[in-house]
């Protein structure tokens, strides 16, 4: 997706998410070797960006089947999940104690300044308008709060390894947002910072043993080749 596409915002794209996948199959991915490893790396990055969440009111926008929502609850956050897929919502409701509501992340069903923190994980890739998603996250976040956006980068070893997968649903509908373009749009809403991780391309043999070493080396030597990037926006207080 080009920078011009992002900056066009609601003037050009105001439709719903383009994500279409079987909820049960998607949820089962998290229990596969690559799903377990990638999720562990991604969730750690997201939680580092969010900081302590105990006692905070959090919106998990595009929560899917509630895997990260549940992780936030375990850490003491009061979380509301939002997703437009009914099957995913039902799975999420069976996993989390808090509310999970139907809604489009480009038009969140909340008043302004409702949450201490908002998070959207691999949502912008499937949104008709990523800029509108980020604007909505900022709108419902209280002054002094944080917006945390997790996105996948196709220009990574993971992207090269899975290049054929991108021809099949749901990935054939994805429009990956370049790192600098995402930061440009996010910066409109407050000061931003970025962290990166997930340097392995797939669940290669022994990844649980040598993966952490690869993560440390990747951050030092080739940070821009990470598959997962987290952009954090500090909403002005």
Protein backbone atom coordinates (compact mmCIF):
# COMPACT_ATOMS: atom_id res chain seq x y z
CA UNK A 1 0.00 0.00 0.00
CA UNK A 2 1.41 3.38 -0.96
CA UNK A 3 1.79 6.41 1.27
CA UNK A 4 -0.80 8.26 -0.84
CA UNK A 5 -3.33 5.47 -0.25
CA UNK A 6 -2.84 5.79 3.50
CA UNK A 7 -3.05 9.55 3.59
CA UNK A 8 -6.25 9.60 1.50
CA UNK A 9 -8.10 8.30 4.57
CA UNK A 10 -11.88 8.21 4.70
CA UNK A 11 -12.25 10.17 1.48
CA UNK A 12 -11.43 7.03 -0.49
CA UNK A 13 -12.00 3.99 1.68
CA UNK A 14 -14.69 3.63 4.29
CA UNK A 15 -15.65 -0.03 3.93
CA UNK A 16 -15.28 -2.88 6.39
CA UNK A 17 -12.42 -5.26 6.92
CA UNK A 18 -11.40 -7.51 4.04
CA UNK A 19 -10.55 -10.38 6.40
CA UNK A 20 -12.44 -13.56 5.55
CA UNK A 21 -11.28 -16.78 7.19
CA UNK A 22 -12.80 -19.75 8.96
CA UNK A 23 -12.75 -18.89 12.67
CA UNK A 24 -12.10 -22.44 13.87
CA UNK A 25 -9.21 -22.96 11.45
CA UNK A 26 -7.76 -19.57 12.32
CA UNK A 27 -7.98 -20.28 16.04
CA UNK A 28 -6.36 -23.70 15.62
CA UNK A 29 -3.32 -22.02 14.04
CA UNK A 30 -2.32 -20.64 17.45
CA UNK A 31 -1.83 -24.18 18.75
CA UNK A 32 0.45 -25.24 15.89
CA UNK A 33 4.26 -25.00 16.29
CA UNK A 34 4.64 -21.82 14.27
CA UNK A 35 1.53 -20.29 15.80
CA UNK A 36 2.82 -20.89 19.32
CA UNK A 37 6.26 -19.47 18.58
CA UNK A 38 5.14 -16.45 16.55
CA UNK A 39 2.39 -15.60 19.03
CA UNK A 40 4.83 -15.74 21.94
CA UNK A 41 7.20 -13.30 20.23
CA UNK A 42 4.42 -10.98 19.09
CA UNK A 43 2.60 -10.89 22.42
CA UNK A 44 5.81 -10.12 24.30
CA UNK A 45 6.51 -7.20 21.96
CA UNK A 46 2.97 -5.88 22.34
CA UNK A 47 3.04 -6.12 26.12
CA UNK A 48 6.42 -4.38 26.31
CA UNK A 49 4.94 -1.55 24.25
CA UNK A 50 1.83 -1.30 26.41
CA UNK A 51 3.65 -1.35 29.73
CA UNK A 52 1.90 -2.51 32.92
CA UNK A 53 -1.76 -3.16 32.13
CA UNK A 54 -3.12 -4.25 35.51
CA UNK A 55 -6.18 -2.17 36.32
CA UNK A 56 -6.28 -0.47 32.92
CA UNK A 57 -9.34 -0.31 30.67
CA UNK A 58 -8.24 -1.66 27.28
CA UNK A 59 -9.89 -2.05 23.90
CA UNK A 60 -8.64 -4.95 21.77
CA UNK A 61 -9.82 -3.84 18.33
CA UNK A 62 -10.06 -6.67 15.83
CA UNK A 63 -9.68 -9.17 18.66
CA UNK A 64 -10.47 -12.22 16.51
CA UNK A 65 -10.91 -15.29 18.69
CA UNK A 66 -9.66 -13.49 21.78
CA UNK A 67 -6.18 -14.94 22.25
CA UNK A 68 -4.48 -11.64 23.09
CA UNK A 69 -7.60 -10.40 24.88
CA UNK A 70 -7.28 -13.34 27.25
CA UNK A 71 -3.59 -12.62 27.80
CA UNK A 72 -4.40 -9.05 28.78
CA UNK A 73 -7.07 -10.24 31.20
CA UNK A 74 -4.62 -12.62 32.87
CA UNK A 75 -2.39 -9.62 33.51
CA UNK A 76 -5.19 -7.75 35.24
CA UNK A 77 -6.54 -5.50 32.49
CA UNK A 78 -10.25 -4.85 32.03
CA UNK A 79 -10.63 -5.58 28.33
CA UNK A 80 -13.36 -5.12 25.76
CA UNK A 81 -12.84 -6.95 22.48
CA UNK A 82 -14.27 -5.81 19.18
CA UNK A 83 -14.58 -7.84 15.99
CA UNK A 84 -16.91 -8.00 13.01
CA UNK A 85 -16.80 -11.77 12.50
CA UNK A 86 -19.62 -13.45 14.42
CA UNK A 87 -17.95 -16.87 14.57
CA UNK A 88 -14.76 -15.35 15.99
CA UNK A 89 -16.78 -13.41 18.55
CA UNK A 90 -18.41 -16.59 19.81
CA UNK A 91 -15.02 -18.25 20.27
CA UNK A 92 -13.67 -15.16 22.01
CA UNK A 93 -16.64 -15.03 24.40
CA UNK A 94 -15.85 -18.57 25.47
CA UNK A 95 -12.25 -17.59 26.21
CA UNK A 96 -12.49 -14.25 28.03
CA UNK A 97 -14.42 -12.93 31.00
CA UNK A 98 -14.95 -9.40 29.69
CA UNK A 99 -17.19 -8.18 26.92
CA UNK A 100 -16.69 -8.93 23.25
CA UNK A 101 -18.87 -6.87 20.92
CA UNK A 102 -19.58 -6.84 17.22
CA UNK A 103 -18.20 -3.81 15.43
CA UNK A 104 -16.06 -2.46 12.63
CA UNK A 105 -12.68 -1.19 13.77
CA UNK A 106 -13.09 1.77 11.41
CA UNK A 107 -16.22 2.80 13.36
CA UNK A 108 -15.69 1.66 16.93
CA UNK A 109 -18.95 1.57 18.95
CA UNK A 110 -17.61 3.70 21.81
CA UNK A 111 -17.62 7.32 22.94
CA UNK A 112 -14.48 9.43 22.84
CA UNK A 113 -11.79 8.89 25.50
CA UNK A 114 -13.13 5.57 26.84
CA UNK A 115 -9.95 3.54 27.31
CA UNK A 116 -6.55 3.85 28.92
CA UNK A 117 -5.03 1.88 26.05
CA UNK A 118 -6.14 0.48 22.71
CA UNK A 119 -4.50 -2.23 20.67
CA UNK A 120 -4.95 -3.56 17.15
CA UNK A 121 -2.95 -6.62 16.08
CA UNK A 122 -2.62 -7.45 12.35
CA UNK A 123 -5.70 -5.36 11.63
CA UNK A 124 -4.35 -2.65 9.34
CA UNK A 125 -3.32 -5.26 6.76
CA UNK A 126 -6.97 -6.17 6.21
CA UNK A 127 -8.66 -2.81 6.75
CA UNK A 128 -10.09 -0.92 3.83
CA UNK A 129 -8.61 2.22 5.37
CA UNK A 130 -5.74 1.74 7.87
CA UNK A 131 -5.70 5.48 8.52
CA UNK A 132 -9.31 5.34 9.70
CA UNK A 133 -8.47 2.44 12.01
CA UNK A 134 -5.66 4.39 13.65
CA UNK A 135 -7.84 7.50 13.93
CA UNK A 136 -10.55 5.50 15.68
CA UNK A 137 -8.09 3.94 18.10
CA UNK A 138 -6.80 7.41 18.96
CA UNK A 139 -10.33 8.78 19.32
CA UNK A 140 -11.39 6.28 21.97
CA UNK A 141 -8.09 6.47 23.90
CA UNK A 142 -7.92 8.86 26.83
CA UNK A 143 -5.37 11.69 26.92
CA UNK A 144 -2.11 10.31 28.21
CA UNK A 145 -2.99 6.80 27.06
CA UNK A 146 -1.39 4.58 24.45
CA UNK A 147 -2.38 3.18 21.08
CA UNK A 148 -0.46 0.03 20.16
CA UNK A 149 -0.53 -1.30 16.61
CA UNK A 150 1.00 -4.63 15.63
CA UNK A 151 1.62 -5.16 11.92
CA UNK A 152 3.26 -7.73 9.69
CA UNK A 153 6.00 -6.80 7.24
CA UNK A 154 6.12 -8.68 3.96
CA UNK A 155 9.69 -7.50 3.30
CA UNK A 156 11.10 -9.99 5.80
CA UNK A 157 12.36 -13.59 5.81
CA UNK A 158 8.85 -14.59 6.92
CA UNK A 159 7.38 -12.76 3.93
CA UNK A 160 9.75 -14.44 1.49
CA UNK A 161 9.21 -17.90 3.02
CA UNK A 162 5.42 -17.56 2.81
CA UNK A 163 5.21 -15.78 -0.54
CA UNK A 164 3.06 -18.53 -2.08
CA UNK A 165 0.67 -18.41 0.85
CA UNK A 166 -0.16 -14.80 -0.01
CA UNK A 167 -1.99 -16.02 -3.12
CA UNK A 168 -4.56 -17.87 -1.00
CA UNK A 169 -7.31 -16.63 1.33
CA UNK A 170 -7.26 -14.79 3.61
CA UNK A 171 -3.81 -13.49 2.69
CA UNK A 172 -4.73 -12.71 -0.90
CA UNK A 173 -6.83 -9.85 0.49
CA UNK A 174 -4.02 -8.39 2.59
CA UNK A 175 -2.37 -5.09 1.73
CA UNK A 176 0.77 -4.86 3.80
CA UNK A 177 1.56 -1.36 5.05
CA UNK A 178 5.18 -0.31 4.78
CA UNK A 179 6.83 0.48 8.09
CA UNK A 180 7.60 4.12 7.35
CA UNK A 181 4.11 4.74 5.95
CA UNK A 182 2.44 3.32 9.03
CA UNK A 183 4.58 5.50 11.26
CA UNK A 184 3.75 8.56 9.16
CA UNK A 185 0.01 8.11 9.64
CA UNK A 186 0.35 7.20 13.32
CA UNK A 187 2.47 10.28 14.05
CA UNK A 188 -0.52 12.52 13.32
CA UNK A 189 -2.06 11.43 16.63
CA UNK A 190 0.94 11.72 18.94
CA UNK A 191 4.59 10.86 19.47
CA UNK A 192 5.44 7.40 18.15
CA UNK A 193 8.04 4.73 18.77
CA UNK A 194 8.68 1.38 17.10
CA UNK A 195 9.87 -2.02 18.18
CA UNK A 196 10.45 -5.04 15.96
CA UNK A 197 10.79 -8.79 16.25
CA UNK A 198 10.09 -12.21 14.73
CA UNK A 199 13.11 -12.91 12.55
CA UNK A 200 12.57 -16.62 11.95
CA UNK A 201 10.69 -17.38 8.71
CA UNK A 202 8.82 -20.45 9.98
CA UNK A 203 8.77 -23.16 12.64
CA UNK A 204 12.18 -24.54 11.73
CA UNK A 205 13.57 -27.50 13.75
CA UNK A 206 14.64 -26.51 17.25
CA UNK A 207 13.20 -23.00 17.01
CA UNK A 208 12.18 -22.89 20.64
CA UNK A 209 15.84 -23.42 21.55
CA UNK A 210 17.63 -21.09 19.14
CA UNK A 211 14.80 -18.66 18.39
CA UNK A 212 15.55 -16.31 21.31
CA UNK A 213 19.17 -16.00 20.17
CA UNK A 214 17.98 -15.16 16.65
CA UNK A 215 15.67 -12.50 18.07
CA UNK A 216 18.51 -10.82 19.95
CA UNK A 217 20.82 -10.97 16.94
CA UNK A 218 18.14 -9.71 14.56
CA UNK A 219 17.42 -6.64 16.66
CA UNK A 220 21.12 -5.75 16.67
CA UNK A 221 22.12 -6.62 13.11
CA UNK A 222 19.05 -6.34 10.87
CA UNK A 223 16.13 -4.75 12.75
CA UNK A 224 14.24 -3.76 9.61
CA UNK A 225 14.03 -7.39 8.48
CA UNK A 226 11.68 -8.36 11.29
CA UNK A 227 8.32 -9.85 10.34
CA UNK A 228 6.43 -8.09 13.13
CA UNK A 229 6.50 -4.43 14.00
CA UNK A 230 4.82 -2.60 16.85
CA UNK A 231 4.07 1.11 16.56
CA UNK A 232 3.12 2.83 19.81
CA UNK A 233 1.38 6.20 19.87
CA UNK A 234 1.48 8.27 23.05
CA UNK A 235 -1.76 10.23 23.04
CA UNK A 236 -1.05 13.78 24.24
CA UNK A 237 -2.18 14.43 27.79
